mmCIF file of all heavy atoms, coordinates in Angstrom:
data_MODEL
# 
_entry.id   MODEL 
# 
loop_
_atom_site.group_PDB 
_atom_site.id 
_atom_site.type_symbol 
_atom_site.label_atom_id 
_atom_site.label_alt_id 
_atom_site.label_comp_id 
_atom_site.label_asym_id 
_atom_site.label_entity_id 
_atom_site.label_seq_id 
_atom_site.pdbx_PDB_ins_code 
_atom_site.Cartn_x 
_atom_site.Cartn_y 
_atom_site.Cartn_z 
_atom_site.occupancy 
_atom_site.B_iso_or_equiv 
_atom_site.pdbx_formal_charge 
_atom_site.auth_seq_id 
_atom_site.auth_comp_id 
_atom_site.auth_asym_id 
_atom_site.auth_atom_id 
_atom_site.pdbx_PDB_model_num 
ATOM 1   N N   . GLY A 1 1  ? -2.186 50.221 -1.299  1.00 0.00 ? 1  GLY A N   1 
ATOM 2   C CA  . GLY A 1 1  ? -2.865 49.104 -1.965  1.00 0.00 ? 1  GLY A CA  1 
ATOM 3   C C   . GLY A 1 1  ? -2.040 47.796 -1.846  1.00 0.00 ? 1  GLY A C   1 
ATOM 4   O O   . GLY A 1 1  ? -2.186 46.922 -2.690  1.00 0.00 ? 1  GLY A O   1 
ATOM 5   N N   . GLY A 1 2  ? -1.135 47.741 -0.814  1.00 0.00 ? 2  GLY A N   1 
ATOM 6   C CA  . GLY A 1 2  ? -0.330 46.534 -0.652  1.00 0.00 ? 2  GLY A CA  1 
ATOM 7   C C   . GLY A 1 2  ? 0.929  46.529 -1.522  1.00 0.00 ? 2  GLY A C   1 
ATOM 8   O O   . GLY A 1 2  ? 1.630  45.507 -1.518  1.00 0.00 ? 2  GLY A O   1 
ATOM 9   N N   . ALA A 1 3  ? 1.263  47.628 -2.172  1.00 0.00 ? 3  ALA A N   1 
ATOM 10  C CA  . ALA A 1 3  ? 2.434  47.705 -3.046  1.00 0.00 ? 3  ALA A CA  1 
ATOM 11  C C   . ALA A 1 3  ? 3.692  47.857 -2.147  1.00 0.00 ? 3  ALA A C   1 
ATOM 12  O O   . ALA A 1 3  ? 3.863  48.872 -1.497  1.00 0.00 ? 3  ALA A O   1 
ATOM 13  C CB  . ALA A 1 3  ? 2.345  48.809 -4.021  1.00 0.00 ? 3  ALA A CB  1 
ATOM 14  N N   . ARG A 1 4  ? 4.575  46.798 -2.185  1.00 0.00 ? 4  ARG A N   1 
ATOM 15  C CA  . ARG A 1 4  ? 5.740  46.836 -1.363  1.00 0.00 ? 4  ARG A CA  1 
ATOM 16  C C   . ARG A 1 4  ? 6.932  46.399 -2.155  1.00 0.00 ? 4  ARG A C   1 
ATOM 17  O O   . ARG A 1 4  ? 6.762  45.687 -3.121  1.00 0.00 ? 4  ARG A O   1 
ATOM 18  C CB  . ARG A 1 4  ? 5.547  45.947 -0.093  1.00 0.00 ? 4  ARG A CB  1 
ATOM 19  C CG  . ARG A 1 4  ? 4.374  46.333 0.746   1.00 0.00 ? 4  ARG A CG  1 
ATOM 20  C CD  . ARG A 1 4  ? 4.243  45.441 2.009   1.00 0.00 ? 4  ARG A CD  1 
ATOM 21  N NE  . ARG A 1 4  ? 5.375  45.663 2.866   1.00 0.00 ? 4  ARG A NE  1 
ATOM 22  C CZ  . ARG A 1 4  ? 5.781  44.736 3.789   1.00 0.00 ? 4  ARG A CZ  1 
ATOM 23  N NH1 . ARG A 1 4  ? 5.224  43.577 3.874   1.00 0.00 ? 4  ARG A NH1 1 
ATOM 24  N NH2 . ARG A 1 4  ? 6.779  45.054 4.595   1.00 0.00 ? 4  ARG A NH2 1 
ATOM 25  N N   . PRO A 1 5  ? 8.144  46.723 -1.769  1.00 0.00 ? 5  PRO A N   1 
ATOM 26  C CA  . PRO A 1 5  ? 8.495  47.515 -0.553  1.00 0.00 ? 5  PRO A CA  1 
ATOM 27  C C   . PRO A 1 5  ? 8.255  49.057 -0.807  1.00 0.00 ? 5  PRO A C   1 
ATOM 28  O O   . PRO A 1 5  ? 8.321  49.537 -1.904  1.00 0.00 ? 5  PRO A O   1 
ATOM 29  C CB  . PRO A 1 5  ? 9.993  47.291 -0.377  1.00 0.00 ? 5  PRO A CB  1 
ATOM 30  C CG  . PRO A 1 5  ? 10.481 47.094 -1.802  1.00 0.00 ? 5  PRO A CG  1 
ATOM 31  C CD  . PRO A 1 5  ? 9.370  46.337 -2.497  1.00 0.00 ? 5  PRO A CD  1 
ATOM 32  N N   . VAL A 1 6  ? 7.999  49.747 0.325   1.00 0.00 ? 6  VAL A N   1 
ATOM 33  C CA  . VAL A 1 6  ? 7.942  51.193 0.316   1.00 0.00 ? 6  VAL A CA  1 
ATOM 34  C C   . VAL A 1 6  ? 9.365  51.684 0.435   1.00 0.00 ? 6  VAL A C   1 
ATOM 35  O O   . VAL A 1 6  ? 9.992  51.440 1.442   1.00 0.00 ? 6  VAL A O   1 
ATOM 36  C CB  . VAL A 1 6  ? 7.077  51.741 1.418   1.00 0.00 ? 6  VAL A CB  1 
ATOM 37  C CG1 . VAL A 1 6  ? 7.056  53.276 1.388   1.00 0.00 ? 6  VAL A CG1 1 
ATOM 38  C CG2 . VAL A 1 6  ? 5.658  51.235 1.266   1.00 0.00 ? 6  VAL A CG2 1 
ATOM 39  N N   . ARG A 1 7  ? 9.867  52.413 -0.585  1.00 0.00 ? 7  ARG A N   1 
ATOM 40  C CA  . ARG A 1 7  ? 11.282 52.781 -0.592  1.00 0.00 ? 7  ARG A CA  1 
ATOM 41  C C   . ARG A 1 7  ? 11.428 54.294 -0.337  1.00 0.00 ? 7  ARG A C   1 
ATOM 42  O O   . ARG A 1 7  ? 10.654 55.101 -0.795  1.00 0.00 ? 7  ARG A O   1 
ATOM 43  C CB  . ARG A 1 7  ? 11.934 52.464 -1.900  1.00 0.00 ? 7  ARG A CB  1 
ATOM 44  C CG  . ARG A 1 7  ? 12.003 50.992 -2.306  1.00 0.00 ? 7  ARG A CG  1 
ATOM 45  C CD  . ARG A 1 7  ? 12.719 50.835 -3.606  1.00 0.00 ? 7  ARG A CD  1 
ATOM 46  N NE  . ARG A 1 7  ? 12.858 49.445 -4.030  1.00 0.00 ? 7  ARG A NE  1 
ATOM 47  C CZ  . ARG A 1 7  ? 11.973 48.808 -4.814  1.00 0.00 ? 7  ARG A CZ  1 
ATOM 48  N NH1 . ARG A 1 7  ? 10.908 49.412 -5.247  1.00 0.00 ? 7  ARG A NH1 1 
ATOM 49  N NH2 . ARG A 1 7  ? 12.173 47.531 -5.167  1.00 0.00 ? 7  ARG A NH2 1 
ATOM 50  N N   . ILE A 1 8  ? 12.502 54.609 0.425   1.00 0.00 ? 8  ILE A N   1 
ATOM 51  C CA  . ILE A 1 8  ? 12.995 55.968 0.449   1.00 0.00 ? 8  ILE A CA  1 
ATOM 52  C C   . ILE A 1 8  ? 14.472 55.970 -0.019  1.00 0.00 ? 8  ILE A C   1 
ATOM 53  O O   . ILE A 1 8  ? 15.131 54.942 0.012   1.00 0.00 ? 8  ILE A O   1 
ATOM 54  C CB  . ILE A 1 8  ? 12.940 56.576 1.886   1.00 0.00 ? 8  ILE A CB  1 
ATOM 55  C CG1 . ILE A 1 8  ? 13.636 55.682 2.887   1.00 0.00 ? 8  ILE A CG1 1 
ATOM 56  C CG2 . ILE A 1 8  ? 11.448 56.793 2.264   1.00 0.00 ? 8  ILE A CG2 1 
ATOM 57  C CD1 . ILE A 1 8  ? 13.718 56.249 4.283   1.00 0.00 ? 8  ILE A CD1 1 
ATOM 58  N N   . GLY A 1 9  ? 14.932 57.133 -0.540  1.00 0.00 ? 9  GLY A N   1 
ATOM 59  C CA  . GLY A 1 9  ? 16.174 57.119 -1.225  1.00 0.00 ? 9  GLY A CA  1 
ATOM 60  C C   . GLY A 1 9  ? 16.023 56.554 -2.631  1.00 0.00 ? 9  GLY A C   1 
ATOM 61  O O   . GLY A 1 9  ? 14.921 56.134 -3.001  1.00 0.00 ? 9  GLY A O   1 
ATOM 62  N N   . ASN A 1 10 ? 17.076 56.533 -3.400  1.00 0.00 ? 10 ASN A N   1 
ATOM 63  C CA  . ASN A 1 10 ? 16.943 56.061 -4.778  1.00 0.00 ? 10 ASN A CA  1 
ATOM 64  C C   . ASN A 1 10 ? 18.246 55.576 -5.316  1.00 0.00 ? 10 ASN A C   1 
ATOM 65  O O   . ASN A 1 10 ? 19.201 56.344 -5.551  1.00 0.00 ? 10 ASN A O   1 
ATOM 66  C CB  . ASN A 1 10 ? 16.421 57.222 -5.676  1.00 0.00 ? 10 ASN A CB  1 
ATOM 67  C CG  . ASN A 1 10 ? 15.721 56.687 -6.950  1.00 0.00 ? 10 ASN A CG  1 
ATOM 68  O OD1 . ASN A 1 10 ? 16.278 55.838 -7.635  1.00 0.00 ? 10 ASN A OD1 1 
ATOM 69  N ND2 . ASN A 1 10 ? 14.517 57.188 -7.242  1.00 0.00 ? 10 ASN A ND2 1 
ATOM 70  N N   . ASP A 1 11 ? 18.314 54.255 -5.552  1.00 0.00 ? 11 ASP A N   1 
ATOM 71  C CA  . ASP A 1 11 ? 19.580 53.673 -6.086  1.00 0.00 ? 11 ASP A CA  1 
ATOM 72  C C   . ASP A 1 11 ? 19.857 54.091 -7.462  1.00 0.00 ? 11 ASP A C   1 
ATOM 73  O O   . ASP A 1 11 ? 21.026 53.915 -7.948  1.00 0.00 ? 11 ASP A O   1 
ATOM 74  C CB  . ASP A 1 11 ? 19.480 52.128 -5.974  1.00 0.00 ? 11 ASP A CB  1 
ATOM 75  C CG  . ASP A 1 11 ? 19.711 51.593 -4.568  1.00 0.00 ? 11 ASP A CG  1 
ATOM 76  O OD1 . ASP A 1 11 ? 20.066 52.433 -3.684  1.00 0.00 ? 11 ASP A OD1 1 
ATOM 77  O OD2 . ASP A 1 11 ? 19.525 50.410 -4.326  1.00 0.00 ? 11 ASP A OD2 1 
ATOM 78  N N   . ALA A 1 12 ? 18.850 54.573 -8.186  1.00 0.00 ? 12 ALA A N   1 
ATOM 79  C CA  . ALA A 1 12 ? 19.108 55.041 -9.552  1.00 0.00 ? 12 ALA A CA  1 
ATOM 80  C C   . ALA A 1 12 ? 20.110 56.235 -9.567  1.00 0.00 ? 12 ALA A C   1 
ATOM 81  O O   . ALA A 1 12 ? 20.686 56.496 -10.601 1.00 0.00 ? 12 ALA A O   1 
ATOM 82  C CB  . ALA A 1 12 ? 17.812 55.471 -10.202 1.00 0.00 ? 12 ALA A CB  1 
ATOM 83  N N   . ALA A 1 13 ? 20.313 56.859 -8.417  1.00 0.00 ? 13 ALA A N   1 
ATOM 84  C CA  . ALA A 1 13 ? 21.236 57.950 -8.366  1.00 0.00 ? 13 ALA A CA  1 
ATOM 85  C C   . ALA A 1 13 ? 22.621 57.510 -8.716  1.00 0.00 ? 13 ALA A C   1 
ATOM 86  O O   . ALA A 1 13 ? 23.494 58.314 -9.146  1.00 0.00 ? 13 ALA A O   1 
ATOM 87  C CB  . ALA A 1 13 ? 21.249 58.573 -6.938  1.00 0.00 ? 13 ALA A CB  1 
ATOM 88  N N   . GLY A 1 14 ? 22.920 56.238 -8.546  1.00 0.00 ? 14 GLY A N   1 
ATOM 89  C CA  . GLY A 1 14 ? 24.231 55.685 -8.889  1.00 0.00 ? 14 GLY A CA  1 
ATOM 90  C C   . GLY A 1 14 ? 24.372 55.129 -10.269 1.00 0.00 ? 14 GLY A C   1 
ATOM 91  O O   . GLY A 1 14 ? 25.449 54.633 -10.650 1.00 0.00 ? 14 GLY A O   1 
ATOM 92  N N   . GLN A 1 15 ? 23.262 55.164 -11.022 1.00 0.00 ? 15 GLN A N   1 
ATOM 93  C CA  . GLN A 1 15 ? 23.346 54.642 -12.421 1.00 0.00 ? 15 GLN A CA  1 
ATOM 94  C C   . GLN A 1 15 ? 24.048 55.575 -13.381 1.00 0.00 ? 15 GLN A C   1 
ATOM 95  O O   . GLN A 1 15 ? 24.209 56.735 -13.081 1.00 0.00 ? 15 GLN A O   1 
ATOM 96  C CB  . GLN A 1 15 ? 21.902 54.454 -12.953 1.00 0.00 ? 15 GLN A CB  1 
ATOM 97  C CG  . GLN A 1 15 ? 21.167 53.314 -12.334 1.00 0.00 ? 15 GLN A CG  1 
ATOM 98  C CD  . GLN A 1 15 ? 19.772 53.109 -12.930 1.00 0.00 ? 15 GLN A CD  1 
ATOM 99  O OE1 . GLN A 1 15 ? 19.262 54.050 -13.564 1.00 0.00 ? 15 GLN A OE1 1 
ATOM 100 N NE2 . GLN A 1 15 ? 19.189 51.923 -12.761 1.00 0.00 ? 15 GLN A NE2 1 
ATOM 101 N N   . VAL A 1 16 ? 24.491 54.985 -14.467 1.00 0.00 ? 16 VAL A N   1 
ATOM 102 C CA  . VAL A 1 16 ? 25.020 55.804 -15.583 1.00 0.00 ? 16 VAL A CA  1 
ATOM 103 C C   . VAL A 1 16 ? 23.846 56.057 -16.537 1.00 0.00 ? 16 VAL A C   1 
ATOM 104 O O   . VAL A 1 16 ? 23.270 55.115 -17.063 1.00 0.00 ? 16 VAL A O   1 
ATOM 105 C CB  . VAL A 1 16 ? 26.190 55.034 -16.345 1.00 0.00 ? 16 VAL A CB  1 
ATOM 106 C CG1 . VAL A 1 16 ? 26.580 55.860 -17.553 1.00 0.00 ? 16 VAL A CG1 1 
ATOM 107 C CG2 . VAL A 1 16 ? 27.344 54.856 -15.371 1.00 0.00 ? 16 VAL A CG2 1 
ATOM 108 N N   . GLN A 1 17 ? 23.497 57.288 -16.697 1.00 0.00 ? 17 GLN A N   1 
ATOM 109 C CA  . GLN A 1 17 ? 22.402 57.700 -17.621 1.00 0.00 ? 17 GLN A CA  1 
ATOM 110 C C   . GLN A 1 17 ? 22.945 58.884 -18.451 1.00 0.00 ? 17 GLN A C   1 
ATOM 111 O O   . GLN A 1 17 ? 22.938 60.027 -17.994 1.00 0.00 ? 17 GLN A O   1 
ATOM 112 C CB  . GLN A 1 17 ? 21.176 58.122 -16.832 1.00 0.00 ? 17 GLN A CB  1 
ATOM 113 C CG  . GLN A 1 17 ? 20.576 57.015 -16.001 1.00 0.00 ? 17 GLN A CG  1 
ATOM 114 C CD  . GLN A 1 17 ? 19.349 57.440 -15.187 1.00 0.00 ? 17 GLN A CD  1 
ATOM 115 O OE1 . GLN A 1 17 ? 18.694 58.429 -15.559 1.00 0.00 ? 17 GLN A OE1 1 
ATOM 116 N NE2 . GLN A 1 17 ? 19.015 56.719 -14.145 1.00 0.00 ? 17 GLN A NE2 1 
ATOM 117 N N   . LEU A 1 18 ? 23.374 58.581 -19.643 1.00 0.00 ? 18 LEU A N   1 
ATOM 118 C CA  . LEU A 1 18 ? 24.066 59.585 -20.430 1.00 0.00 ? 18 LEU A CA  1 
ATOM 119 C C   . LEU A 1 18 ? 23.136 60.704 -20.975 1.00 0.00 ? 18 LEU A C   1 
ATOM 120 O O   . LEU A 1 18 ? 23.647 61.751 -21.350 1.00 0.00 ? 18 LEU A O   1 
ATOM 121 C CB  . LEU A 1 18 ? 24.760 58.878 -21.619 1.00 0.00 ? 18 LEU A CB  1 
ATOM 122 C CG  . LEU A 1 18 ? 25.803 57.881 -21.270 1.00 0.00 ? 18 LEU A CG  1 
ATOM 123 C CD1 . LEU A 1 18 ? 26.468 57.311 -22.532 1.00 0.00 ? 18 LEU A CD1 1 
ATOM 124 C CD2 . LEU A 1 18 ? 26.900 58.398 -20.305 1.00 0.00 ? 18 LEU A CD2 1 
ATOM 125 N N   . ASP A 1 19 ? 21.825 60.460 -20.958 1.00 0.00 ? 19 ASP A N   1 
ATOM 126 C CA  . ASP A 1 19 ? 20.946 61.496 -21.490 1.00 0.00 ? 19 ASP A CA  1 
ATOM 127 C C   . ASP A 1 19 ? 20.973 62.763 -20.653 1.00 0.00 ? 19 ASP A C   1 
ATOM 128 O O   . ASP A 1 19 ? 20.641 63.826 -21.174 1.00 0.00 ? 19 ASP A O   1 
ATOM 129 C CB  . ASP A 1 19 ? 19.519 60.938 -21.595 1.00 0.00 ? 19 ASP A CB  1 
ATOM 130 C CG  . ASP A 1 19 ? 18.904 60.708 -20.184 1.00 0.00 ? 19 ASP A CG  1 
ATOM 131 O OD1 . ASP A 1 19 ? 19.338 59.698 -19.536 1.00 0.00 ? 19 ASP A OD1 1 
ATOM 132 O OD2 . ASP A 1 19 ? 18.062 61.441 -19.781 1.00 0.00 ? 19 ASP A OD2 1 
ATOM 133 N N   . ILE A 1 20 ? 21.406 62.677 -19.382 1.00 0.00 ? 20 ILE A N   1 
ATOM 134 C CA  . ILE A 1 20 ? 21.296 63.866 -18.496 1.00 0.00 ? 20 ILE A CA  1 
ATOM 135 C C   . ILE A 1 20 ? 22.191 65.004 -19.011 1.00 0.00 ? 20 ILE A C   1 
ATOM 136 O O   . ILE A 1 20 ? 21.870 66.177 -18.785 1.00 0.00 ? 20 ILE A O   1 
ATOM 137 C CB  . ILE A 1 20 ? 21.707 63.526 -17.049 1.00 0.00 ? 20 ILE A CB  1 
ATOM 138 C CG1 . ILE A 1 20 ? 23.122 63.054 -16.944 1.00 0.00 ? 20 ILE A CG1 1 
ATOM 139 C CG2 . ILE A 1 20 ? 20.728 62.519 -16.487 1.00 0.00 ? 20 ILE A CG2 1 
ATOM 140 C CD1 . ILE A 1 20 ? 23.607 62.968 -15.515 1.00 0.00 ? 20 ILE A CD1 1 
ATOM 141 N N   . TYR A 1 21 ? 23.247 64.667 -19.780 1.00 0.00 ? 21 TYR A N   1 
ATOM 142 C CA  . TYR A 1 21 ? 24.093 65.715 -20.301 1.00 0.00 ? 21 TYR A CA  1 
ATOM 143 C C   . TYR A 1 21 ? 23.356 66.590 -21.305 1.00 0.00 ? 21 TYR A C   1 
ATOM 144 O O   . TYR A 1 21 ? 23.610 67.797 -21.409 1.00 0.00 ? 21 TYR A O   1 
ATOM 145 C CB  . TYR A 1 21 ? 25.366 65.129 -20.879 1.00 0.00 ? 21 TYR A CB  1 
ATOM 146 C CG  . TYR A 1 21 ? 26.242 64.430 -19.817 1.00 0.00 ? 21 TYR A CG  1 
ATOM 147 C CD1 . TYR A 1 21 ? 26.226 63.059 -19.721 1.00 0.00 ? 21 TYR A CD1 1 
ATOM 148 C CD2 . TYR A 1 21 ? 26.994 65.147 -18.948 1.00 0.00 ? 21 TYR A CD2 1 
ATOM 149 C CE1 . TYR A 1 21 ? 26.942 62.405 -18.709 1.00 0.00 ? 21 TYR A CE1 1 
ATOM 150 C CE2 . TYR A 1 21 ? 27.740 64.548 -17.981 1.00 0.00 ? 21 TYR A CE2 1 
ATOM 151 C CZ  . TYR A 1 21 ? 27.734 63.211 -17.873 1.00 0.00 ? 21 TYR A CZ  1 
ATOM 152 O OH  . TYR A 1 21 ? 28.459 62.556 -16.872 1.00 0.00 ? 21 TYR A OH  1 
ATOM 153 N N   . GLY A 1 22 ? 22.514 65.954 -22.118 1.00 0.00 ? 22 GLY A N   1 
ATOM 154 C CA  . GLY A 1 22 ? 21.745 66.733 -23.089 1.00 0.00 ? 22 GLY A CA  1 
ATOM 155 C C   . GLY A 1 22 ? 20.749 67.642 -22.358 1.00 0.00 ? 22 GLY A C   1 
ATOM 156 O O   . GLY A 1 22 ? 20.628 68.816 -22.696 1.00 0.00 ? 22 GLY A O   1 
ATOM 157 N N   . GLU A 1 23 ? 20.033 67.127 -21.377 1.00 0.00 ? 23 GLU A N   1 
ATOM 158 C CA  . GLU A 1 23 ? 19.105 67.983 -20.637 1.00 0.00 ? 23 GLU A CA  1 
ATOM 159 C C   . GLU A 1 23 ? 19.806 69.098 -19.913 1.00 0.00 ? 23 GLU A C   1 
ATOM 160 O O   . GLU A 1 23 ? 19.356 70.233 -19.815 1.00 0.00 ? 23 GLU A O   1 
ATOM 161 C CB  . GLU A 1 23 ? 18.306 67.124 -19.641 1.00 0.00 ? 23 GLU A CB  1 
ATOM 162 C CG  . GLU A 1 23 ? 17.219 66.264 -20.289 1.00 0.00 ? 23 GLU A CG  1 
ATOM 163 C CD  . GLU A 1 23 ? 17.660 64.837 -20.540 1.00 0.00 ? 23 GLU A CD  1 
ATOM 164 O OE1 . GLU A 1 23 ? 18.757 64.461 -20.138 1.00 0.00 ? 23 GLU A OE1 1 
ATOM 165 O OE2 . GLU A 1 23 ? 16.849 64.066 -21.125 1.00 0.00 ? 23 GLU A OE2 1 
ATOM 166 N N   . LEU A 1 24 ? 21.003 68.752 -19.319 1.00 0.00 ? 24 LEU A N   1 
ATOM 167 C CA  . LEU A 1 24 ? 21.780 69.802 -18.632 1.00 0.00 ? 24 LEU A CA  1 
ATOM 168 C C   . LEU A 1 24 ? 22.200 70.940 -19.568 1.00 0.00 ? 24 LEU A C   1 
ATOM 169 O O   . LEU A 1 24 ? 21.935 72.120 -19.297 1.00 0.00 ? 24 LEU A O   1 
ATOM 170 C CB  . LEU A 1 24 ? 23.031 69.160 -18.020 1.00 0.00 ? 24 LEU A CB  1 
ATOM 171 C CG  . LEU A 1 24 ? 24.002 70.144 -17.389 1.00 0.00 ? 24 LEU A CG  1 
ATOM 172 C CD1 . LEU A 1 24 ? 23.425 70.790 -16.150 1.00 0.00 ? 24 LEU A CD1 1 
ATOM 173 C CD2 . LEU A 1 24 ? 25.321 69.433 -17.023 1.00 0.00 ? 24 LEU A CD2 1 
ATOM 174 N N   . LEU A 1 25 ? 22.786 70.569 -20.711 1.00 0.00 ? 25 LEU A N   1 
ATOM 175 C CA  . LEU A 1 25 ? 23.195 71.616 -21.657 1.00 0.00 ? 25 LEU A CA  1 
ATOM 176 C C   . LEU A 1 25 ? 22.083 72.357 -22.321 1.00 0.00 ? 25 LEU A C   1 
ATOM 177 O O   . LEU A 1 25 ? 22.156 73.550 -22.590 1.00 0.00 ? 25 LEU A O   1 
ATOM 178 C CB  . LEU A 1 25 ? 24.165 71.013 -22.648 1.00 0.00 ? 25 LEU A CB  1 
ATOM 179 C CG  . LEU A 1 25 ? 25.615 71.056 -22.343 1.00 0.00 ? 25 LEU A CG  1 
ATOM 180 C CD1 . LEU A 1 25 ? 26.117 72.503 -22.297 1.00 0.00 ? 25 LEU A CD1 1 
ATOM 181 C CD2 . LEU A 1 25 ? 25.954 70.337 -21.073 1.00 0.00 ? 25 LEU A CD2 1 
ATOM 182 N N   . ASP A 1 26 ? 20.984 71.658 -22.546 1.00 0.00 ? 26 ASP A N   1 
ATOM 183 C CA  . ASP A 1 26 ? 19.764 72.291 -23.105 1.00 0.00 ? 26 ASP A CA  1 
ATOM 184 C C   . ASP A 1 26 ? 19.299 73.352 -22.164 1.00 0.00 ? 26 ASP A C   1 
ATOM 185 O O   . ASP A 1 26 ? 18.916 74.460 -22.545 1.00 0.00 ? 26 ASP A O   1 
ATOM 186 C CB  . ASP A 1 26 ? 18.694 71.260 -23.407 1.00 0.00 ? 26 ASP A CB  1 
ATOM 187 C CG  . ASP A 1 26 ? 17.646 71.796 -24.383 1.00 0.00 ? 26 ASP A CG  1 
ATOM 188 O OD1 . ASP A 1 26 ? 18.003 72.617 -25.244 1.00 0.00 ? 26 ASP A OD1 1 
ATOM 189 O OD2 . ASP A 1 26 ? 16.545 71.298 -24.326 1.00 0.00 ? 26 ASP A OD2 1 
ATOM 190 N N   . SER A 1 27 ? 19.235 73.005 -20.857 1.00 0.00 ? 27 SER A N   1 
ATOM 191 C CA  . SER A 1 27 ? 18.716 73.960 -19.872 1.00 0.00 ? 27 SER A CA  1 
ATOM 192 C C   . SER A 1 27 ? 19.686 75.194 -19.752 1.00 0.00 ? 27 SER A C   1 
ATOM 193 O O   . SER A 1 27 ? 19.169 76.325 -19.654 1.00 0.00 ? 27 SER A O   1 
ATOM 194 C CB  . SER A 1 27 ? 18.562 73.294 -18.510 1.00 0.00 ? 27 SER A CB  1 
ATOM 195 O OG  . SER A 1 27 ? 19.767 72.905 -17.989 1.00 0.00 ? 27 SER A OG  1 
ATOM 196 N N   . ILE A 1 28 ? 20.963 74.921 -19.770 1.00 0.00 ? 28 ILE A N   1 
ATOM 197 C CA  . ILE A 1 28 ? 21.926 76.062 -19.722 1.00 0.00 ? 28 ILE A CA  1 
ATOM 198 C C   . ILE A 1 28 ? 21.812 76.910 -20.972 1.00 0.00 ? 28 ILE A C   1 
ATOM 199 O O   . ILE A 1 28 ? 21.805 78.160 -20.863 1.00 0.00 ? 28 ILE A O   1 
ATOM 200 C CB  . ILE A 1 28 ? 23.349 75.501 -19.531 1.00 0.00 ? 28 ILE A CB  1 
ATOM 201 C CG1 . ILE A 1 28 ? 23.512 74.794 -18.157 1.00 0.00 ? 28 ILE A CG1 1 
ATOM 202 C CG2 . ILE A 1 28 ? 24.394 76.590 -19.713 1.00 0.00 ? 28 ILE A CG2 1 
ATOM 203 C CD1 . ILE A 1 28 ? 24.841 74.093 -17.987 1.00 0.00 ? 28 ILE A CD1 1 
# 
């Protein structure tokens, strides 16, 4: 529908997101 840019890869991989530790430990 004209939505650009079309991205591959993800720069969010380099962000600090502290919530992931809770999801990690909850899953374990």
